[in-house]
Amino acid sequence: EARGEPQHYVSSKLMCWLAMDRASRL
């Protein structure tokens, strides 16, 4: 929850991958 400028955080991309991977399984 950084209060600086938005960035392309790896962990955020990772969690988007997780969302679609888990959605596919569901």
mmCIF file of all heavy atoms, coordinates in Angstrom:
data_MODEL
# 
_entry.id   MODEL 
# 
loop_
_atom_site.group_PDB 
_atom_site.id 
_atom_site.type_symbol 
_atom_site.label_atom_id 
_atom_site.label_alt_id 
_atom_site.label_comp_id 
_atom_site.label_asym_id 
_atom_site.label_entity_id 
_atom_site.label_seq_id 
_atom_site.pdbx_PDB_ins_code 
_atom_site.Cartn_x 
_atom_site.Cartn_y 
_atom_site.Cartn_z 
_atom_site.occupancy 
_atom_site.B_iso_or_equiv 
_atom_site.pdbx_formal_charge 
_atom_site.auth_seq_id 
_atom_site.auth_comp_id 
_atom_site.auth_asym_id 
_atom_site.auth_atom_id 
_atom_site.pdbx_PDB_model_num 
ATOM 1   N N   . GLU A 1 1  ? 0.821   -1.216  0.000   1.00 0.00 ? 1  GLU A N   1 
ATOM 2   C CA  . GLU A 1 1  ? 0.000   0.000   0.000   1.00 0.00 ? 1  GLU A CA  1 
ATOM 3   C C   . GLU A 1 1  ? 0.860   1.272   0.000   1.00 0.00 ? 1  GLU A C   1 
ATOM 4   O O   . GLU A 1 1  ? 0.611   2.226   0.747   1.00 0.00 ? 1  GLU A O   1 
ATOM 5   C CB  . GLU A 1 1  ? -0.961  -0.010  1.198   1.00 0.00 ? 1  GLU A CB  1 
ATOM 6   C CG  . GLU A 1 1  ? -1.900  -1.201  1.150   1.00 0.00 ? 1  GLU A CG  1 
ATOM 7   C CD  . GLU A 1 1  ? -2.647  -1.446  2.449   1.00 0.00 ? 1  GLU A CD  1 
ATOM 8   O OE1 . GLU A 1 1  ? -2.454  -0.679  3.400   1.00 0.00 ? 1  GLU A OE1 1 
ATOM 9   O OE2 . GLU A 1 1  ? -3.427  -2.412  2.504   1.00 0.00 ? 1  GLU A OE2 1 
ATOM 10  N N   . ALA A 1 2  ? 1.889   1.258   -0.833  1.00 0.00 ? 2  ALA A N   1 
ATOM 11  C CA  . ALA A 1 2  ? 2.795   2.404   -0.929  1.00 0.00 ? 2  ALA A CA  1 
ATOM 12  C C   . ALA A 1 2  ? 2.019   3.659   -1.313  1.00 0.00 ? 2  ALA A C   1 
ATOM 13  O O   . ALA A 1 2  ? 1.088   3.614   -2.127  1.00 0.00 ? 2  ALA A O   1 
ATOM 14  C CB  . ALA A 1 2  ? 3.883   2.128   -1.966  1.00 0.00 ? 2  ALA A CB  1 
ATOM 15  N N   . ARG A 1 3  ? 2.400   4.773   -0.729  1.00 0.00 ? 3  ARG A N   1 
ATOM 16  C CA  . ARG A 1 3  ? 1.722   6.032   -1.024  1.00 0.00 ? 3  ARG A CA  1 
ATOM 17  C C   . ARG A 1 3  ? 2.535   6.898   -1.991  1.00 0.00 ? 3  ARG A C   1 
ATOM 18  O O   . ARG A 1 3  ? 2.329   8.101   -2.095  1.00 0.00 ? 3  ARG A O   1 
ATOM 19  C CB  . ARG A 1 3  ? 1.404   6.758   0.277   1.00 0.00 ? 3  ARG A CB  1 
ATOM 20  C CG  . ARG A 1 3  ? 0.500   5.905   1.171   1.00 0.00 ? 3  ARG A CG  1 
ATOM 21  C CD  . ARG A 1 3  ? -0.225  6.652   2.244   1.00 0.00 ? 3  ARG A CD  1 
ATOM 22  N NE  . ARG A 1 3  ? -1.137  5.751   2.960   1.00 0.00 ? 3  ARG A NE  1 
ATOM 23  C CZ  . ARG A 1 3  ? -2.072  6.141   3.811   1.00 0.00 ? 3  ARG A CZ  1 
ATOM 24  N NH1 . ARG A 1 3  ? -2.220  7.421   4.083   1.00 0.00 ? 3  ARG A NH1 1 
ATOM 25  N NH2 . ARG A 1 3  ? -2.859  5.267   4.413   1.00 0.00 ? 3  ARG A NH2 1 
ATOM 26  N N   . GLY A 1 4  ? 3.469   6.248   -2.688  1.00 0.00 ? 4  GLY A N   1 
ATOM 27  C CA  . GLY A 1 4  ? 4.190   6.910   -3.768  1.00 0.00 ? 4  GLY A CA  1 
ATOM 28  C C   . GLY A 1 4  ? 3.487   6.660   -5.092  1.00 0.00 ? 4  GLY A C   1 
ATOM 29  O O   . GLY A 1 4  ? 2.309   6.317   -5.147  1.00 0.00 ? 4  GLY A O   1 
ATOM 30  N N   . GLU A 1 5  ? 4.218   6.847   -6.208  1.00 0.00 ? 5  GLU A N   1 
ATOM 31  C CA  . GLU A 1 5  ? 3.634   6.665   -7.526  1.00 0.00 ? 5  GLU A CA  1 
ATOM 32  C C   . GLU A 1 5  ? 3.346   5.182   -7.794  1.00 0.00 ? 5  GLU A C   1 
ATOM 33  O O   . GLU A 1 5  ? 4.109   4.308   -7.374  1.00 0.00 ? 5  GLU A O   1 
ATOM 34  C CB  . GLU A 1 5  ? 4.585   7.194   -8.603  1.00 0.00 ? 5  GLU A CB  1 
ATOM 35  C CG  . GLU A 1 5  ? 4.695   8.719   -8.621  1.00 0.00 ? 5  GLU A CG  1 
ATOM 36  C CD  . GLU A 1 5  ? 3.364   9.383   -8.917  1.00 0.00 ? 5  GLU A CD  1 
ATOM 37  O OE1 . GLU A 1 5  ? 2.675   8.925   -9.861  1.00 0.00 ? 5  GLU A OE1 1 
ATOM 38  O OE2 . GLU A 1 5  ? 3.017   10.356  -8.214  1.00 0.00 ? 5  GLU A OE2 1 
ATOM 39  N N   . PRO A 1 6  ? 2.242   4.871   -8.505  1.00 0.00 ? 6  PRO A N   1 
ATOM 40  C CA  . PRO A 1 6  ? 1.969   3.468   -8.870  1.00 0.00 ? 6  PRO A CA  1 
ATOM 41  C C   . PRO A 1 6  ? 3.119   2.883   -9.690  1.00 0.00 ? 6  PRO A C   1 
ATOM 42  O O   . PRO A 1 6  ? 3.780   3.592   -10.452 1.00 0.00 ? 6  PRO A O   1 
ATOM 43  C CB  . PRO A 1 6  ? 0.677   3.569   -9.695  1.00 0.00 ? 6  PRO A CB  1 
ATOM 44  C CG  . PRO A 1 6  ? 0.045   4.859   -9.270  1.00 0.00 ? 6  PRO A CG  1 
ATOM 45  C CD  . PRO A 1 6  ? 1.181   5.793   -8.972  1.00 0.00 ? 6  PRO A CD  1 
ATOM 46  N N   . GLN A 1 7  ? 3.341   1.586   -9.522  1.00 0.00 ? 7  GLN A N   1 
ATOM 47  C CA  . GLN A 1 7  ? 4.412   0.893   -10.218 1.00 0.00 ? 7  GLN A CA  1 
ATOM 48  C C   . GLN A 1 7  ? 3.902   -0.464  -10.707 1.00 0.00 ? 7  GLN A C   1 
ATOM 49  O O   . GLN A 1 7  ? 2.856   -0.955  -10.270 1.00 0.00 ? 7  GLN A O   1 
ATOM 50  C CB  . GLN A 1 7  ? 5.615   0.670   -9.284  1.00 0.00 ? 7  GLN A CB  1 
ATOM 51  C CG  . GLN A 1 7  ? 6.213   1.919   -8.693  1.00 0.00 ? 7  GLN A CG  1 
ATOM 52  C CD  . GLN A 1 7  ? 6.979   2.764   -9.687  1.00 0.00 ? 7  GLN A CD  1 
ATOM 53  O OE1 . GLN A 1 7  ? 7.264   2.313   -10.803 1.00 0.00 ? 7  GLN A OE1 1 
ATOM 54  N NE2 . GLN A 1 7  ? 7.319   3.992   -9.299  1.00 0.00 ? 7  GLN A NE2 1 
ATOM 55  N N   . HIS A 1 8  ? 4.675   -1.074  -11.576 1.00 0.00 ? 8  HIS A N   1 
ATOM 56  C CA  . HIS A 1 8  ? 4.366   -2.431  -12.043 1.00 0.00 ? 8  HIS A CA  1 
ATOM 57  C C   . HIS A 1 8  ? 5.016   -3.426  -11.063 1.00 0.00 ? 8  HIS A C   1 
ATOM 58  O O   . HIS A 1 8  ? 6.042   -4.039  -11.357 1.00 0.00 ? 8  HIS A O   1 
ATOM 59  C CB  . HIS A 1 8  ? 4.893   -2.645  -13.464 1.00 0.00 ? 8  HIS A CB  1 
ATOM 60  C CG  . HIS A 1 8  ? 4.151   -1.866  -14.507 1.00 0.00 ? 8  HIS A CG  1 
ATOM 61  N ND1 . HIS A 1 8  ? 2.946   -2.285  -15.024 1.00 0.00 ? 8  HIS A ND1 1 
ATOM 62  C CD2 . HIS A 1 8  ? 4.436   -0.670  -15.092 1.00 0.00 ? 8  HIS A CD2 1 
ATOM 63  C CE1 . HIS A 1 8  ? 2.515   -1.400  -15.914 1.00 0.00 ? 8  HIS A CE1 1 
ATOM 64  N NE2 . HIS A 1 8  ? 3.396   -0.398  -15.975 1.00 0.00 ? 8  HIS A NE2 1 
ATOM 65  N N   . TYR A 1 9  ? 4.393   -3.572  -9.914  1.00 0.00 ? 9  TYR A N   1 
ATOM 66  C CA  . TYR A 1 9  ? 4.937   -4.446  -8.873  1.00 0.00 ? 9  TYR A CA  1 
ATOM 67  C C   . TYR A 1 9  ? 4.827   -5.907  -9.302  1.00 0.00 ? 9  TYR A C   1 
ATOM 68  O O   . TYR A 1 9  ? 3.767   -6.362  -9.756  1.00 0.00 ? 9  TYR A O   1 
ATOM 69  C CB  . TYR A 1 9  ? 4.214   -4.242  -7.554  1.00 0.00 ? 9  TYR A CB  1 
ATOM 70  C CG  . TYR A 1 9  ? 4.545   -2.924  -6.881  1.00 0.00 ? 9  TYR A CG  1 
ATOM 71  C CD1 . TYR A 1 9  ? 3.682   -1.842  -6.964  1.00 0.00 ? 9  TYR A CD1 1 
ATOM 72  C CD2 . TYR A 1 9  ? 5.729   -2.771  -6.155  1.00 0.00 ? 9  TYR A CD2 1 
ATOM 73  C CE1 . TYR A 1 9  ? 3.990   -0.631  -6.353  1.00 0.00 ? 9  TYR A CE1 1 
ATOM 74  C CE2 . TYR A 1 9  ? 6.042   -1.576  -5.542  1.00 0.00 ? 9  TYR A CE2 1 
ATOM 75  C CZ  . TYR A 1 9  ? 5.170   -0.503  -5.644  1.00 0.00 ? 9  TYR A CZ  1 
ATOM 76  O OH  . TYR A 1 9  ? 5.485   0.691   -5.048  1.00 0.00 ? 9  TYR A OH  1 
ATOM 77  N N   . VAL A 1 10 ? 5.916   -6.646  -9.113  1.00 0.00 ? 10 VAL A N   1 
ATOM 78  C CA  . VAL A 1 10 ? 5.924   -8.059  -9.484  1.00 0.00 ? 10 VAL A CA  1 
ATOM 79  C C   . VAL A 1 10 ? 4.899   -8.842  -8.665  1.00 0.00 ? 10 VAL A C   1 
ATOM 80  O O   . VAL A 1 10 ? 4.190   -9.707  -9.193  1.00 0.00 ? 10 VAL A O   1 
ATOM 81  C CB  . VAL A 1 10 ? 7.341   -8.648  -9.322  1.00 0.00 ? 10 VAL A CB  1 
ATOM 82  C CG1 . VAL A 1 10 ? 7.308   -10.176 -9.416  1.00 0.00 ? 10 VAL A CG1 1 
ATOM 83  C CG2 . VAL A 1 10 ? 8.273   -8.077  -10.369 1.00 0.00 ? 10 VAL A CG2 1 
ATOM 84  N N   . SER A 1 11 ? 4.797   -8.537  -7.376  1.00 0.00 ? 11 SER A N   1 
ATOM 85  C CA  . SER A 1 11 ? 3.859   -9.296  -6.543  1.00 0.00 ? 11 SER A CA  1 
ATOM 86  C C   . SER A 1 11 ? 2.416   -9.056  -6.983  1.00 0.00 ? 11 SER A C   1 
ATOM 87  O O   . SER A 1 11 ? 1.581   -9.965  -6.908  1.00 0.00 ? 11 SER A O   1 
ATOM 88  C CB  . SER A 1 11 ? 4.032   -8.936  -5.076  1.00 0.00 ? 11 SER A CB  1 
ATOM 89  O OG  . SER A 1 11 ? 3.743   -7.574  -4.828  1.00 0.00 ? 11 SER A OG  1 
ATOM 90  N N   . SER A 1 12 ? 2.102   -7.855  -7.457  1.00 0.00 ? 12 SER A N   1 
ATOM 91  C CA  . SER A 1 12 ? 0.747   -7.586  -7.948  1.00 0.00 ? 12 SER A CA  1 
ATOM 92  C C   . SER A 1 12 ? 0.460   -8.378  -9.217  1.00 0.00 ? 12 SER A C   1 
ATOM 93  O O   . SER A 1 12 ? -0.630  -8.941  -9.392  1.00 0.00 ? 12 SER A O   1 
ATOM 94  C CB  . SER A 1 12 ? 0.561   -6.093  -8.208  1.00 0.00 ? 12 SER A CB  1 
ATOM 95  O OG  . SER A 1 12 ? 0.643   -5.353  -7.005  1.00 0.00 ? 12 SER A OG  1 
ATOM 96  N N   . LYS A 1 13 ? 1.438   -8.420  -10.130 1.00 0.00 ? 13 LYS A N   1 
ATOM 97  C CA  . LYS A 1 13 ? 1.274   -9.234  -11.342 1.00 0.00 ? 13 LYS A CA  1 
ATOM 98  C C   . LYS A 1 13 ? 1.118   -10.702 -10.955 1.00 0.00 ? 13 LYS A C   1 
ATOM 99  O O   . LYS A 1 13 ? 0.281   -11.422 -11.520 1.00 0.00 ? 13 LYS A O   1 
ATOM 100 C CB  . LYS A 1 13 ? 2.487   -9.089  -12.265 1.00 0.00 ? 13 LYS A CB  1 
ATOM 101 C CG  . LYS A 1 13 ? 2.916   -7.672  -12.592 1.00 0.00 ? 13 LYS A CG  1 
ATOM 102 C CD  . LYS A 1 13 ? 1.945   -6.954  -13.487 1.00 0.00 ? 13 LYS A CD  1 
ATOM 103 C CE  . LYS A 1 13 ? 2.519   -5.592  -13.891 1.00 0.00 ? 13 LYS A CE  1 
ATOM 104 N NZ  . LYS A 1 13 ? 1.549   -4.754  -14.616 1.00 0.00 ? 13 LYS A NZ  1 
ATOM 105 N N   . LEU A 1 14 ? 1.941   -11.128 -9.998  1.00 0.00 ? 14 LEU A N   1 
ATOM 106 C CA  . LEU A 1 14 ? 1.882   -12.517 -9.540  1.00 0.00 ? 14 LEU A CA  1 
ATOM 107 C C   . LEU A 1 14 ? 0.488   -12.867 -9.023  1.00 0.00 ? 14 LEU A C   1 
ATOM 108 O O   . LEU A 1 14 ? -0.056  -13.934 -9.333  1.00 0.00 ? 14 LEU A O   1 
ATOM 109 C CB  . LEU A 1 14 ? 2.925   -12.721 -8.435  1.00 0.00 ? 14 LEU A CB  1 
ATOM 110 C CG  . LEU A 1 14 ? 2.845   -14.027 -7.638  1.00 0.00 ? 14 LEU A CG  1 
ATOM 111 C CD1 . LEU A 1 14 ? 3.306   -15.187 -8.488  1.00 0.00 ? 14 LEU A CD1 1 
ATOM 112 C CD2 . LEU A 1 14 ? 3.683   -13.922 -6.373  1.00 0.00 ? 14 LEU A CD2 1 
ATOM 113 N N   . MET A 1 15 ? -0.109  -11.956 -8.253  1.00 0.00 ? 15 MET A N   1 
ATOM 114 C CA  . MET A 1 15 ? -1.418  -12.239 -7.682  1.00 0.00 ? 15 MET A CA  1 
ATOM 115 C C   . MET A 1 15 ? -2.511  -12.189 -8.756  1.00 0.00 ? 15 MET A C   1 
ATOM 116 O O   . MET A 1 15 ? -3.544  -12.869 -8.620  1.00 0.00 ? 15 MET A O   1 
ATOM 117 C CB  . MET A 1 15 ? -1.714  -11.277 -6.550  1.00 0.00 ? 15 MET A CB  1 
ATOM 118 C CG  . MET A 1 15 ? -0.756  -11.402 -5.360  1.00 0.00 ? 15 MET A CG  1 
ATOM 119 S SD  . MET A 1 15 ? -0.698  -13.070 -4.650  1.00 0.00 ? 15 MET A SD  1 
ATOM 120 C CE  . MET A 1 15 ? -2.225  -13.064 -3.704  1.00 0.00 ? 15 MET A CE  1 
ATOM 121 N N   . CYS A 1 16 ? -2.310  -11.406 -9.813  1.00 0.00 ? 16 CYS A N   1 
ATOM 122 C CA  . CYS A 1 16 ? -3.248  -11.459 -10.944 1.00 0.00 ? 16 CYS A CA  1 
ATOM 123 C C   . CYS A 1 16 ? -3.133  -12.802 -11.656 1.00 0.00 ? 16 CYS A C   1 
ATOM 124 O O   . CYS A 1 16 ? -4.140  -13.388 -12.084 1.00 0.00 ? 16 CYS A O   1 
ATOM 125 C CB  . CYS A 1 16 ? -2.992  -10.307 -11.905 1.00 0.00 ? 16 CYS A CB  1 
ATOM 126 S SG  . CYS A 1 16 ? -3.562  -8.701  -11.309 1.00 0.00 ? 16 CYS A SG  1 
ATOM 127 N N   . TRP A 1 17 ? -1.899  -13.277 -11.808 1.00 0.00 ? 17 TRP A N   1 
ATOM 128 C CA  . TRP A 1 17 ? -1.721  -14.635 -12.355 1.00 0.00 ? 17 TRP A CA  1 
ATOM 129 C C   . TRP A 1 17 ? -2.452  -15.646 -11.494 1.00 0.00 ? 17 TRP A C   1 
ATOM 130 O O   . TRP A 1 17 ? -3.167  -16.528 -12.001 1.00 0.00 ? 17 TRP A O   1 
ATOM 131 C CB  . TRP A 1 17 ? -0.228  -14.983 -12.408 1.00 0.00 ? 17 TRP A CB  1 
ATOM 132 C CG  . TRP A 1 17 ? -0.003  -16.471 -12.563 1.00 0.00 ? 17 TRP A CG  1 
ATOM 133 C CD1 . TRP A 1 17 ? -0.049  -17.186 -13.721 1.00 0.00 ? 17 TRP A CD1 1 
ATOM 134 C CD2 . TRP A 1 17 ? 0.263   -17.400 -11.513 1.00 0.00 ? 17 TRP A CD2 1 
ATOM 135 N NE1 . TRP A 1 17 ? 0.170   -18.518 -13.458 1.00 0.00 ? 17 TRP A NE1 1 
ATOM 136 C CE2 . TRP A 1 17 ? 0.372   -18.673 -12.110 1.00 0.00 ? 17 TRP A CE2 1 
ATOM 137 C CE3 . TRP A 1 17 ? 0.435   -17.292 -10.133 1.00 0.00 ? 17 TRP A CE3 1 
ATOM 138 C CZ2 . TRP A 1 17 ? 0.633   -19.833 -11.364 1.00 0.00 ? 17 TRP A CZ2 1 
ATOM 139 C CZ3 . TRP A 1 17 ? 0.689   -18.427 -9.383  1.00 0.00 ? 17 TRP A CZ3 1 
ATOM 140 C CH2 . TRP A 1 17 ? 0.789   -19.683 -9.993  1.00 0.00 ? 17 TRP A CH2 1 
ATOM 141 N N   . LEU A 1 18 ? -2.305  -15.508 -10.175 1.00 0.00 ? 18 LEU A N   1 
ATOM 142 C CA  . LEU A 1 18 ? -2.955  -16.433 -9.251  1.00 0.00 ? 18 LEU A CA  1 
ATOM 143 C C   . LEU A 1 18 ? -4.473  -16.385 -9.419  1.00 0.00 ? 18 LEU A C   1 
ATOM 144 O O   . LEU A 1 18 ? -5.148  -17.421 -9.412  1.00 0.00 ? 18 LEU A O   1 
ATOM 145 C CB  . LEU A 1 18 ? -2.567  -16.074 -7.813  1.00 0.00 ? 18 LEU A CB  1 
ATOM 146 C CG  . LEU A 1 18 ? -3.061  -17.007 -6.711  1.00 0.00 ? 18 LEU A CG  1 
ATOM 147 C CD1 . LEU A 1 18 ? -2.329  -18.340 -6.773  1.00 0.00 ? 18 LEU A CD1 1 
ATOM 148 C CD2 . LEU A 1 18 ? -2.863  -16.358 -5.339  1.00 0.00 ? 18 LEU A CD2 1 
ATOM 149 N N   . ALA A 1 19 ? -5.016  -15.172 -9.577  1.00 0.00 ? 19 ALA A N   1 
ATOM 150 C CA  . ALA A 1 19 ? -6.468  -15.021 -9.714  1.00 0.00 ? 19 ALA A CA  1 
ATOM 151 C C   . ALA A 1 19 ? -6.976  -15.810 -10.920 1.00 0.00 ? 19 ALA A C   1 
ATOM 152 O O   . ALA A 1 19 ? -7.964  -16.559 -10.830 1.00 0.00 ? 19 ALA A O   1 
ATOM 153 C CB  . ALA A 1 19 ? -6.826  -13.541 -9.849  1.00 0.00 ? 19 ALA A CB  1 
ATOM 154 N N   . MET A 1 20 ? -6.314  -15.653 -12.051 1.00 0.00 ? 20 MET A N   1 
ATOM 155 C CA  . MET A 1 20 ? -6.816  -16.303 -13.261 1.00 0.00 ? 20 MET A CA  1 
ATOM 156 C C   . MET A 1 20 ? -6.493  -17.797 -13.288 1.00 0.00 ? 20 MET A C   1 
ATOM 157 O O   . MET A 1 20 ? -7.266  -18.601 -13.817 1.00 0.00 ? 20 MET A O   1 
ATOM 158 C CB  . MET A 1 20 ? -6.272  -15.570 -14.479 1.00 0.00 ? 20 MET A CB  1 
ATOM 159 C CG  . MET A 1 20 ? -6.948  -14.204 -14.613 1.00 0.00 ? 20 MET A CG  1 
ATOM 160 S SD  . MET A 1 20 ? -6.331  -13.176 -15.944 1.00 0.00 ? 20 MET A SD  1 
ATOM 161 C CE  . MET A 1 20 ? -4.805  -12.554 -15.259 1.00 0.00 ? 20 MET A CE  1 
ATOM 162 N N   . ASP A 1 21 ? -5.368  -18.175 -12.672 1.00 0.00 ? 21 ASP A N   1 
ATOM 163 C CA  . ASP A 1 21 ? -5.063  -19.598 -12.545 1.00 0.00 ? 21 ASP A CA  1 
ATOM 164 C C   . ASP A 1 21 ? -6.102  -20.294 -11.673 1.00 0.00 ? 21 ASP A C   1 
ATOM 165 O O   . ASP A 1 21 ? -6.618  -21.361 -12.033 1.00 0.00 ? 21 ASP A O   1 
ATOM 166 C CB  . ASP A 1 21 ? -3.664  -19.770 -11.953 1.00 0.00 ? 21 ASP A CB  1 
ATOM 167 C CG  . ASP A 1 21 ? -3.310  -21.236 -11.743 1.00 0.00 ? 21 ASP A CG  1 
ATOM 168 O OD1 . ASP A 1 21 ? -2.906  -21.894 -12.722 1.00 0.00 ? 21 ASP A OD1 1 
ATOM 169 O OD2 . ASP A 1 21 ? -3.442  -21.711 -10.592 1.00 0.00 ? 21 ASP A OD2 1 
ATOM 170 N N   . ARG A 1 22 ? -6.420  -19.681 -10.538 1.00 0.00 ? 22 ARG A N   1 
ATOM 171 C CA  . ARG A 1 22 ? -7.406  -20.295 -9.627  1.00 0.00 ? 22 ARG A CA  1 
ATOM 172 C C   . ARG A 1 22 ? -8.809  -20.244 -10.222 1.00 0.00 ? 22 ARG A C   1 
ATOM 173 O O   . ARG A 1 22 ? -9.598  -21.178 -10.057 1.00 0.00 ? 22 ARG A O   1 
ATOM 174 C CB  . ARG A 1 22 ? -7.398  -19.604 -8.272  1.00 0.00 ? 22 ARG A CB  1 
ATOM 175 C CG  . ARG A 1 22 ? -6.115  -19.694 -7.449  1.00 0.00 ? 22 ARG A CG  1 
ATOM 176 C CD  . ARG A 1 22 ? -5.362  -20.983 -7.599  1.00 0.00 ? 22 ARG A CD  1 
ATOM 177 N NE  . ARG A 1 22 ? -4.303  -21.112 -6.623  1.00 0.00 ? 22 ARG A NE  1 
ATOM 178 C CZ  . ARG A 1 22 ? -3.036  -21.393 -6.901  1.00 0.00 ? 22 ARG A CZ  1 
ATOM 179 N NH1 . ARG A 1 22 ? -2.670  -21.547 -8.177  1.00 0.00 ? 22 ARG A NH1 1 
ATOM 180 N NH2 . ARG A 1 22 ? -2.136  -21.524 -5.941  1.00 0.00 ? 22 ARG A NH2 1 
ATOM 181 N N   . ALA A 1 23 ? -9.133  -19.162 -10.919 1.00 0.00 ? 23 ALA A N   1 
ATOM 182 C CA  . ALA A 1 23 ? -10.445 -19.073 -11.563 1.00 0.00 ? 23 ALA A CA  1 
ATOM 183 C C   . ALA A 1 23 ? -10.596 -20.170 -12.618 1.00 0.00 ? 23 ALA A C   1 
ATOM 184 O O   . ALA A 1 23 ? -11.679 -20.767 -12.761 1.00 0.00 ? 23 ALA A O   1 
ATOM 185 C CB  . ALA A 1 23 ? -10.626 -17.699 -12.183 1.00 0.00 ? 23 ALA A CB  1 
ATOM 186 N N   . SER A 1 24 ? -9.524  -20.441 -13.376 1.00 0.00 ? 24 SER A N   1 
ATOM 187 C CA  . SER A 1 24 ? -9.570  -21.493 -14.384 1.00 0.00 ? 24 SER A CA  1 
ATOM 188 C C   . SER A 1 24 ? -9.858  -22.848 -13.735 1.00 0.00 ? 24 SER A C   1 
ATOM 189 O O   . SER A 1 24 ? -10.682 -23.630 -14.232 1.00 0.00 ? 24 SER A O   1 
ATOM 190 C CB  . SER A 1 24 ? -8.250  -21.536 -15.142 1.00 0.00 ? 24 SER A CB  1 
ATOM 191 O OG  . SER A 1 24 ? -8.233  -22.606 -16.067 1.00 0.00 ? 24 SER A OG  1 
ATOM 192 N N   . ARG A 1 25 ? -9.215  -23.111 -12.622 1.00 0.00 ? 25 ARG A N   1 
ATOM 193 C CA  . ARG A 1 25 ? -9.443  -24.385 -11.923 1.00 0.00 ? 25 ARG A CA  1 
ATOM 194 C C   . ARG A 1 25 ? -10.863 -24.470 -11.376 1.00 0.00 ? 25 ARG A C   1 
ATOM 195 O O   . ARG A 1 25 ? -11.503 -25.530 -11.408 1.00 0.00 ? 25 ARG A O   1 
ATOM 196 C CB  . ARG A 1 25 ? -8.422  -24.545 -10.797 1.00 0.00 ? 25 ARG A CB  1 
ATOM 197 C CG  . ARG A 1 25 ? -6.978  -24.626 -11.287 1.00 0.00 ? 25 ARG A CG  1 
ATOM 198 C CD  . ARG A 1 25 ? -6.003  -24.479 -10.135 1.00 0.00 ? 25 ARG A CD  1 
ATOM 199 N NE  . ARG A 1 25 ? -4.649  -24.265 -10.599 1.00 0.00 ? 25 ARG A NE  1 
ATOM 200 C CZ  . ARG A 1 25 ? -3.678  -25.180 -10.551 1.00 0.00 ? 25 ARG A CZ  1 
ATOM 201 N NH1 . ARG A 1 25 ? -3.931  -26.380 -10.074 1.00 0.00 ? 25 ARG A NH1 1 
ATOM 202 N NH2 . ARG A 1 25 ? -2.460  -24.893 -10.988 1.00 0.00 ? 25 ARG A NH2 1 
ATOM 203 N N   . LEU A 1 26 ? -11.357 -23.352 -10.838 1.00 0.00 ? 26 LEU A N   1 
ATOM 204 C CA  . LEU A 1 26 ? -12.721 -23.330 -10.312 1.00 0.00 ? 26 LEU A CA  1 
ATOM 205 C C   . LEU A 1 26 ? -13.738 -23.491 -11.438 1.00 0.00 ? 26 LEU A C   1 
ATOM 206 O O   . LEU A 1 26 ? -14.788 -24.134 -11.263 1.00 0.00 ? 26 LEU A O   1 
ATOM 207 C CB  . LEU A 1 26 ? -12.963 -22.028 -9.550  1.00 0.00 ? 26 LEU A CB  1 
ATOM 208 C CG  . LEU A 1 26 ? -12.282 -21.947 -8.185  1.00 0.00 ? 26 LEU A CG  1 
ATOM 209 C CD1 . LEU A 1 26 ? -12.208 -20.502 -7.704  1.00 0.00 ? 26 LEU A CD1 1 
ATOM 210 C CD2 . LEU A 1 26 ? -13.011 -22.816 -7.159  1.00 0.00 ? 26 LEU A CD2 1 
# 
